[in-house]
Amino acid sequence: MYRQKGVVDMAIDTEAIRQHIRGILEALGDDPDREGLKETPERVARMYEEVFEGMQYSNHEIAQMFCKTFSEDMDFEKTDRDMVLVKDIEIFSYCEHHLALMYDMKVSVAYIPNGKFIGLSKIARIADMVGKRLQLQERIGADIAEIMQEILGSEDVAVVIEGTHSCMTARGIKKGAATTKTYTLRGAFREDKLLQMRLDS
């Protein structure tokens, strides 16, 4: 299970989800046995198993899943700041505060190679799996950066995320045009202003 300290490992319990969704429908004052809702608890349980898949794995386990890298005989001078940047990886996630959808999310991941490269599709898979947790946008960036650092053996990683939060657009303040942008900067990206500028270019 995706865990912070003290959380016990376990698989997603779809039967418990089904029962609790039925209880929520009843608490809302609806009849879970009516035609339109009879199969809703089962559908939601299957959906949660899919969209929260990432909760079953730690960051280290995700790094192990997607750790295939390759090396090239290229001499990267530290001052050259050669950078790999993958932009606009589309993901979604769910806010841990309201279980509300975070959508229209675009993730950009950059790193400075330290003798290793990772396949571009692996970066997208990492971002996708990290999003499939109860999350905060800030933590998504931190989790992706941590996984990339482990795989690449490089401290120099940056993650930029822009997304829309339905806990702001569909409830509460209801500001439909509001987006949130977060920057997770590690290693050289923390201090090097040129690298930071290239992230938004």
Protein backbone atom coordinates (compact mmCIF):
# COMPACT_ATOMS: atom_id res chain seq x y z
CA MET A 1 0.00 0.00 0.00
CA TYR A 2 1.19 3.54 -0.65
CA ARG A 3 2.37 4.38 2.77
CA GLN A 4 3.72 7.06 4.89
CA LYS A 5 5.29 5.89 8.13
CA GLY A 6 2.99 3.78 10.27
CA VAL A 7 0.59 2.72 7.49
CA VAL A 8 0.15 -1.04 7.15
CA ASP A 9 0.59 -2.68 3.75
CA MET A 10 -2.60 -4.12 2.25
CA ALA A 11 -4.35 -4.63 -1.05
CA ILE A 12 -7.32 -2.51 -2.09
CA ASP A 13 -10.39 -4.06 -0.43
CA THR A 14 -13.07 -3.81 -3.12
CA GLU A 15 -15.68 -5.59 -1.02
CA ALA A 16 -15.33 -3.03 1.78
CA ILE A 17 -15.55 -0.21 -0.78
CA ARG A 18 -18.74 -1.73 -2.20
CA GLN A 19 -20.34 -1.89 1.24
CA HIS A 20 -19.33 1.64 2.15
CA ILE A 21 -20.58 3.10 -1.13
CA ARG A 22 -23.92 1.43 -0.50
CA GLY A 23 -23.94 3.08 2.94
CA ILE A 24 -23.13 6.48 1.43
CA LEU A 25 -26.04 6.15 -1.01
CA GLU A 26 -28.34 5.38 1.91
CA ALA A 27 -26.90 8.29 3.92
CA LEU A 28 -27.67 10.59 0.98
CA GLY A 29 -31.31 9.53 1.27
CA ASP A 30 -31.40 7.42 -1.90
CA ASP A 31 -32.36 3.79 -2.39
CA PRO A 32 -29.30 1.68 -3.36
CA ASP A 33 -31.68 -1.05 -4.58
CA ARG A 34 -33.41 1.09 -7.18
CA GLU A 35 -32.75 0.29 -10.81
CA GLY A 36 -30.20 3.02 -11.53
CA LEU A 37 -28.15 2.36 -8.39
CA LYS A 38 -28.27 -1.43 -7.97
CA GLU A 39 -24.85 -1.96 -9.53
CA THR A 40 -23.32 1.37 -8.52
CA PRO A 41 -21.42 0.10 -5.44
CA GLU A 42 -19.81 -2.63 -7.53
CA ARG A 43 -18.96 -0.20 -10.34
CA VAL A 44 -17.41 2.29 -7.92
CA ALA A 45 -15.37 -0.46 -6.25
CA ARG A 46 -13.95 -1.54 -9.61
CA MET A 47 -13.28 2.07 -10.57
CA TYR A 48 -11.47 2.79 -7.29
CA GLU A 49 -9.34 -0.31 -7.75
CA GLU A 50 -8.23 1.14 -11.10
CA VAL A 51 -7.86 4.85 -10.31
CA PHE A 52 -6.11 4.24 -6.97
CA GLU A 53 -3.76 1.55 -8.26
CA GLY A 54 -0.73 3.57 -7.20
CA MET A 55 -1.70 3.29 -3.53
CA GLN A 56 -0.58 -0.33 -3.57
CA TYR A 57 3.05 0.62 -4.20
CA SER A 58 5.70 2.67 -2.45
CA ASN A 59 7.87 5.09 -4.39
CA HIS A 60 10.70 2.58 -4.19
CA GLU A 61 8.50 -0.15 -5.67
CA ILE A 62 7.46 2.13 -8.54
CA ALA A 63 11.12 2.91 -9.16
CA GLN A 64 11.79 -0.82 -9.36
CA MET A 65 8.91 -1.28 -11.83
CA PHE A 66 10.20 1.32 -14.27
CA CYS A 67 13.95 1.20 -13.63
CA LYS A 68 15.03 0.20 -17.14
CA THR A 69 17.68 2.70 -18.19
CA PHE A 70 20.37 2.91 -20.85
CA SER A 71 23.76 4.53 -21.11
CA GLU A 72 25.42 6.38 -23.96
CA ASP A 73 29.06 7.18 -24.57
CA MET A 74 28.47 10.89 -24.21
CA ASP A 75 30.55 13.23 -22.13
CA PHE A 76 28.28 15.57 -20.19
CA GLU A 77 30.18 18.56 -18.91
CA LYS A 78 28.69 19.91 -15.70
CA THR A 79 28.74 23.45 -17.08
CA ASP A 80 26.87 22.46 -20.25
CA ARG A 81 23.69 21.72 -18.34
CA ASP A 82 22.46 19.22 -20.94
CA MET A 83 18.90 18.49 -19.95
CA VAL A 84 16.20 15.99 -20.83
CA LEU A 85 12.70 17.50 -20.61
CA VAL A 86 9.39 15.71 -21.20
CA LYS A 87 6.47 18.15 -21.21
CA ASP A 88 2.69 18.00 -20.92
CA ILE A 89 2.22 14.45 -19.62
CA GLU A 90 -1.54 14.29 -18.96
CA ILE A 91 -2.59 12.70 -15.68
CA PHE A 92 -5.44 12.94 -13.18
CA SER A 93 -5.58 12.40 -9.46
CA TYR A 94 -7.86 12.74 -6.44
CA CYS A 95 -7.41 15.31 -3.69
CA GLU A 96 -6.99 13.68 -0.30
CA HIS A 97 -8.92 16.47 1.43
CA HIS A 98 -12.27 16.10 -0.38
CA LEU A 99 -11.73 12.99 -2.58
CA ALA A 100 -12.30 15.50 -5.39
CA LEU A 101 -10.93 15.07 -8.89
CA MET A 102 -7.79 16.95 -9.91
CA TYR A 103 -8.03 17.19 -13.68
CA ASP A 104 -6.54 18.79 -16.79
CA MET A 105 -3.22 18.09 -15.11
CA LYS A 106 -0.07 18.42 -17.20
CA VAL A 107 3.24 17.21 -15.81
CA SER A 108 6.66 18.21 -17.11
CA VAL A 109 9.69 16.24 -15.90
CA ALA A 110 13.30 17.30 -16.45
CA TYR A 111 16.63 15.81 -15.43
CA ILE A 112 20.32 16.28 -16.05
CA PRO A 113 21.79 12.91 -17.09
CA ASN A 114 24.46 11.42 -14.88
CA GLY A 115 25.48 8.68 -17.30
CA LYS A 116 21.99 7.12 -17.36
CA PHE A 117 18.88 7.79 -19.42
CA ILE A 118 15.35 6.52 -18.90
CA GLY A 119 12.91 5.70 -21.70
CA LEU A 120 10.47 8.54 -22.30
CA SER A 121 7.43 6.30 -21.90
CA LYS A 122 8.71 5.24 -18.46
CA ILE A 123 8.57 8.86 -17.29
CA ALA A 124 4.93 9.06 -18.36
CA ARG A 125 4.16 5.76 -16.61
CA ILE A 126 5.76 6.99 -13.39
CA ALA A 127 3.70 10.20 -13.47
CA ASP A 128 0.54 8.22 -14.17
CA MET A 129 1.11 5.75 -11.33
CA VAL A 130 1.95 8.47 -8.81
CA GLY A 131 -1.28 10.26 -9.72
CA LYS A 132 -3.29 7.14 -8.92
CA ARG A 133 -3.26 7.85 -5.20
CA LEU A 134 -5.07 10.12 -2.78
CA GLN A 135 -2.79 13.06 -3.36
CA LEU A 136 -1.83 16.69 -3.07
CA GLN A 137 -0.44 18.31 -6.20
CA GLU A 138 2.70 19.27 -4.31
CA ARG A 139 3.26 15.66 -3.24
CA ILE A 140 2.78 14.34 -6.77
CA GLY A 141 5.77 16.45 -7.82
CA ALA A 142 7.83 15.32 -4.83
CA ASP A 143 6.99 11.64 -5.41
CA ILE A 144 7.89 11.78 -9.12
CA ALA A 145 11.16 13.55 -8.32
CA GLU A 146 12.08 10.98 -5.66
CA ILE A 147 11.41 8.07 -8.03
CA MET A 148 13.37 9.67 -10.86
CA GLN A 149 16.33 10.35 -8.57
CA GLU A 150 16.40 6.72 -7.45
CA ILE A 151 16.25 5.36 -11.00
CA LEU A 152 18.78 7.75 -12.51
CA GLY A 153 21.23 8.13 -9.67
CA SER A 154 21.05 11.88 -10.26
CA GLU A 155 20.01 14.55 -7.80
CA ASP A 156 19.25 16.96 -10.63
CA VAL A 157 15.52 16.49 -11.24
CA ALA A 158 12.63 18.94 -11.65
CA VAL A 159 8.88 18.40 -11.89
CA VAL A 160 6.42 21.12 -12.93
CA ILE A 161 2.68 20.43 -12.68
CA GLU A 162 -0.29 22.56 -13.68
CA GLY A 163 -3.79 21.37 -12.93
CA THR A 164 -7.37 22.19 -12.05
CA HIS A 165 -8.95 21.11 -8.77
CA SER A 166 -12.66 20.36 -8.59
CA CYS A 167 -12.57 21.12 -4.87
CA MET A 168 -12.12 24.73 -6.05
CA THR A 169 -14.15 24.70 -9.27
CA ALA A 170 -17.23 22.61 -8.36
CA ARG A 171 -17.68 23.45 -4.67
CA GLY A 172 -16.66 26.01 -2.10
CA ILE A 173 -15.29 29.11 -3.81
CA LYS A 174 -16.36 27.80 -7.27
CA LYS A 175 -13.70 29.53 -9.34
CA GLY A 176 -13.88 27.58 -12.58
CA ALA A 177 -10.92 29.25 -14.29
CA ALA A 178 -8.47 28.76 -11.40
CA THR A 179 -5.45 26.53 -12.03
CA THR A 180 -2.60 25.58 -9.73
CA LYS A 181 1.05 25.35 -10.77
CA THR A 182 3.70 23.70 -8.62
CA TYR A 183 7.46 23.40 -9.01
CA THR A 184 9.53 20.63 -7.42
CA LEU A 185 13.21 21.47 -7.86
CA ARG A 186 16.02 19.17 -6.80
CA GLY A 187 19.80 19.35 -7.12
CA ALA A 188 21.07 21.87 -9.69
CA PHE A 189 17.52 23.01 -10.48
CA ARG A 190 17.27 24.65 -7.05
CA GLU A 191 19.93 27.29 -7.71
CA ASP A 192 20.49 27.48 -11.46
CA LYS A 193 18.22 30.23 -12.80
CA LEU A 194 18.92 29.29 -16.41
CA LEU A 195 17.70 25.75 -15.80
CA GLN A 196 14.59 27.13 -14.10
CA MET A 197 13.86 29.40 -17.06
CA ARG A 198 14.19 26.48 -19.47
CA LEU A 199 11.47 24.59 -17.59
CA ASP A 200 8.89 27.18 -18.68
CA SER A 201 10.23 27.82 -22.17
